[in-house]
Amino acid sequence: MLMDPTVQEVLMDITNDEESSVSIIECLVKGKTTDEEIAEETEVRLNIVRKVLYKLYDAGVASYKRSKDPETQWYTYSWKFEEEKVADIINHKYENFSREIEEALEFEEGNMFFVCLTNGCRYRFEEASENNFVCPKCGGNLEYQDNSAVITELKEMMQKMS
């Protein structure tokens, strides 16, 4: 699971690209449960291990159970990696991306565009006609832009995702 580039991307987003986060997560998945065990195994400072674990916890991809040592009265945190939550995050990102592609496709199909050849600004037909097909930013002429290639690309992206 951790070898999947999408999973790695999600985990790097969660941990803000903390360089040691992959080794910490691998250690957690292998069954090391306490922050001390993980720090010892990975040779990463304990405060960095805790920082990464709490970021994972805040995102919901790690959980912990707290227990009290009867002799020292200190708390020990036993951590667990929640693989299902990572899958949920990926599905959510996929759904958002799919919706964005669909909205972009509707926008492209539902509009006619004109572009300024001087500065590249793009305007819908309504905006271009209100300005007599003259760019409001630079005064250059606006020319029709064929967006069929954009529409084709968006349709291909949607097919790949389904």
Protein backbone atom coordinates (compact mmCIF):
# COMPACT_ATOMS: atom_id res chain seq x y z
CA MET A 1 0.00 0.00 0.00
CA LEU A 2 2.75 2.46 0.90
CA MET A 3 4.42 1.86 -2.46
CA ASP A 4 1.41 3.31 -4.31
CA PRO A 5 2.34 6.82 -5.55
CA THR A 6 -1.16 8.12 -4.80
CA VAL A 7 -0.96 6.90 -1.21
CA GLN A 8 2.50 8.44 -0.85
CA GLU A 9 1.22 11.75 -2.22
CA VAL A 10 -1.67 11.79 0.27
CA LEU A 11 0.62 10.98 3.18
CA MET A 12 3.17 13.61 2.12
CA ASP A 13 0.34 16.18 1.92
CA ILE A 14 -0.77 15.25 5.43
CA THR A 15 2.73 15.40 6.91
CA ASN A 16 3.80 18.50 4.94
CA ASP A 17 6.56 16.57 3.16
CA GLU A 18 8.35 15.78 6.41
CA GLU A 19 11.33 13.82 5.05
CA SER A 20 11.23 11.13 7.72
CA SER A 21 7.47 10.56 7.56
CA VAL A 22 7.67 7.61 5.14
CA SER A 23 9.99 5.64 7.41
CA ILE A 24 7.82 6.49 10.43
CA ILE A 25 4.68 5.30 8.65
CA GLU A 26 6.41 2.13 7.40
CA CYS A 27 7.47 1.38 10.94
CA LEU A 28 3.91 1.95 12.19
CA VAL A 29 2.50 -0.37 9.52
CA LYS A 30 5.05 -3.07 10.46
CA GLY A 31 3.67 -3.17 13.98
CA LYS A 32 5.76 -0.79 16.03
CA THR A 33 3.18 0.93 18.17
CA THR A 34 4.82 3.40 20.55
CA ASP A 35 6.55 6.61 19.56
CA GLU A 36 9.67 5.44 21.41
CA GLU A 37 9.80 2.18 19.43
CA ILE A 38 9.35 4.06 16.17
CA ALA A 39 12.05 6.60 17.07
CA GLU A 40 14.46 3.81 17.98
CA GLU A 41 13.73 1.80 14.82
CA THR A 42 13.94 4.78 12.43
CA GLU A 43 16.69 6.68 14.26
CA VAL A 44 14.54 9.81 14.00
CA ARG A 45 14.35 12.17 16.95
CA LEU A 46 11.39 11.44 19.23
CA ASN A 47 9.89 14.93 18.87
CA ILE A 48 9.81 14.57 15.06
CA VAL A 49 8.20 11.13 15.35
CA ARG A 50 5.54 12.60 17.63
CA LYS A 51 5.01 15.55 15.31
CA VAL A 52 4.39 13.22 12.33
CA LEU A 53 2.15 10.91 14.37
CA TYR A 54 -0.01 13.81 15.53
CA LYS A 55 -0.34 15.11 11.96
CA LEU A 56 -1.49 11.64 10.90
CA TYR A 57 -3.88 11.57 13.85
CA ASP A 58 -5.33 14.99 12.95
CA ALA A 59 -5.98 13.70 9.42
CA GLY A 60 -7.61 10.57 10.79
CA VAL A 61 -5.11 8.11 9.32
CA ALA A 62 -3.65 7.16 12.69
CA SER A 63 -5.28 6.49 16.02
CA TYR A 64 -3.91 5.84 19.47
CA LYS A 65 -4.76 4.32 22.80
CA ARG A 66 -3.39 5.83 25.96
CA SER A 67 -2.38 3.66 28.91
CA LYS A 68 -0.81 4.57 32.24
CA ASP A 69 2.26 2.79 33.57
CA PRO A 70 1.39 1.77 37.15
CA GLU A 71 4.97 2.16 38.37
CA THR A 72 6.01 5.46 36.77
CA GLN A 73 2.51 6.93 36.37
CA TRP A 74 3.55 8.02 32.87
CA TYR A 75 1.27 7.65 29.88
CA THR A 76 2.19 5.45 26.95
CA TYR A 77 0.55 5.97 23.57
CA SER A 78 0.04 2.93 21.34
CA TRP A 79 -0.42 4.03 17.74
CA LYS A 80 -2.23 2.32 14.86
CA PHE A 81 -2.23 3.18 11.15
CA GLU A 82 -5.76 3.43 9.69
CA GLU A 83 -5.46 2.20 6.09
CA GLU A 84 -9.20 2.55 5.43
CA LYS A 85 -9.03 6.28 6.11
CA VAL A 86 -6.30 6.71 3.49
CA ALA A 87 -8.58 4.99 0.97
CA ASP A 88 -11.41 7.35 2.00
CA ILE A 89 -9.17 10.39 1.45
CA ILE A 90 -8.12 9.12 -1.98
CA ASN A 91 -11.74 8.45 -2.96
CA HIS A 92 -12.72 11.93 -1.82
CA LYS A 93 -9.90 13.50 -3.88
CA TYR A 94 -10.93 11.38 -6.88
CA GLU A 95 -14.56 12.49 -6.56
CA ASN A 96 -13.56 16.16 -6.28
CA PHE A 97 -11.25 15.92 -9.28
CA SER A 98 -13.91 14.13 -11.30
CA ARG A 99 -16.46 16.81 -10.43
CA GLU A 100 -14.00 19.58 -11.41
CA ILE A 101 -13.41 17.93 -14.80
CA GLU A 102 -17.15 17.59 -15.34
CA GLU A 103 -17.74 21.27 -14.47
CA ALA A 104 -14.89 22.37 -16.74
CA LEU A 105 -16.32 20.29 -19.58
CA GLU A 106 -19.77 21.84 -19.12
CA PHE A 107 -18.20 25.33 -19.10
CA GLU A 108 -16.16 24.68 -22.25
CA GLU A 109 -19.09 23.11 -24.11
CA GLY A 110 -21.50 25.84 -23.05
CA ASN A 111 -19.43 28.83 -24.12
CA MET A 112 -17.75 30.37 -27.13
CA PHE A 113 -14.39 31.99 -26.45
CA PHE A 114 -12.33 34.83 -27.84
CA VAL A 115 -8.69 35.42 -27.05
CA CYS A 116 -6.45 38.48 -27.16
CA LEU A 117 -3.51 37.73 -29.41
CA THR A 118 -1.37 40.31 -27.62
CA ASN A 119 -1.63 39.14 -24.00
CA GLY A 120 -3.45 35.78 -24.25
CA CYS A 121 -6.43 36.80 -22.10
CA ARG A 122 -9.48 34.68 -22.79
CA TYR A 123 -13.05 35.99 -22.79
CA ARG A 124 -16.46 34.41 -23.20
CA PHE A 125 -18.55 35.63 -26.13
CA GLU A 126 -20.68 37.86 -23.87
CA GLU A 127 -17.63 39.65 -22.49
CA ALA A 128 -16.01 39.98 -25.92
CA SER A 129 -19.14 41.40 -27.55
CA GLU A 130 -19.68 43.91 -24.70
CA ASN A 131 -16.18 45.22 -25.45
CA ASN A 132 -16.70 45.21 -29.26
CA PHE A 133 -14.16 42.36 -29.56
CA VAL A 134 -11.40 44.61 -28.22
CA CYS A 135 -9.35 43.46 -25.23
CA PRO A 136 -10.29 45.60 -22.21
CA LYS A 137 -6.78 45.20 -20.77
CA CYS A 138 -4.57 46.15 -23.70
CA GLY A 139 -6.82 47.27 -26.54
CA GLY A 140 -5.77 44.41 -28.82
CA ASN A 141 -8.18 42.60 -31.11
CA LEU A 142 -10.02 39.53 -29.82
CA GLU A 143 -10.20 36.55 -32.14
CA TYR A 144 -12.33 33.42 -31.96
CA GLN A 145 -10.68 30.51 -30.16
CA ASP A 146 -11.58 26.96 -31.11
CA ASN A 147 -11.81 25.06 -27.84
CA SER A 148 -12.61 21.65 -29.36
CA ALA A 149 -9.16 20.32 -28.37
CA VAL A 150 -9.80 21.30 -24.74
CA ILE A 151 -13.21 19.61 -24.85
CA THR A 152 -11.69 16.45 -26.35
CA GLU A 153 -8.98 16.38 -23.68
CA LEU A 154 -11.53 16.80 -20.86
CA LYS A 155 -13.67 13.99 -22.31
CA GLU A 156 -10.62 11.72 -22.51
CA MET A 157 -9.77 12.50 -18.88
CA MET A 158 -13.32 11.60 -17.85
CA GLN A 159 -13.13 8.30 -19.78
CA LYS A 160 -9.84 7.41 -18.08
CA MET A 161 -11.38 8.06 -14.69
CA SER A 162 -14.41 5.85 -15.29
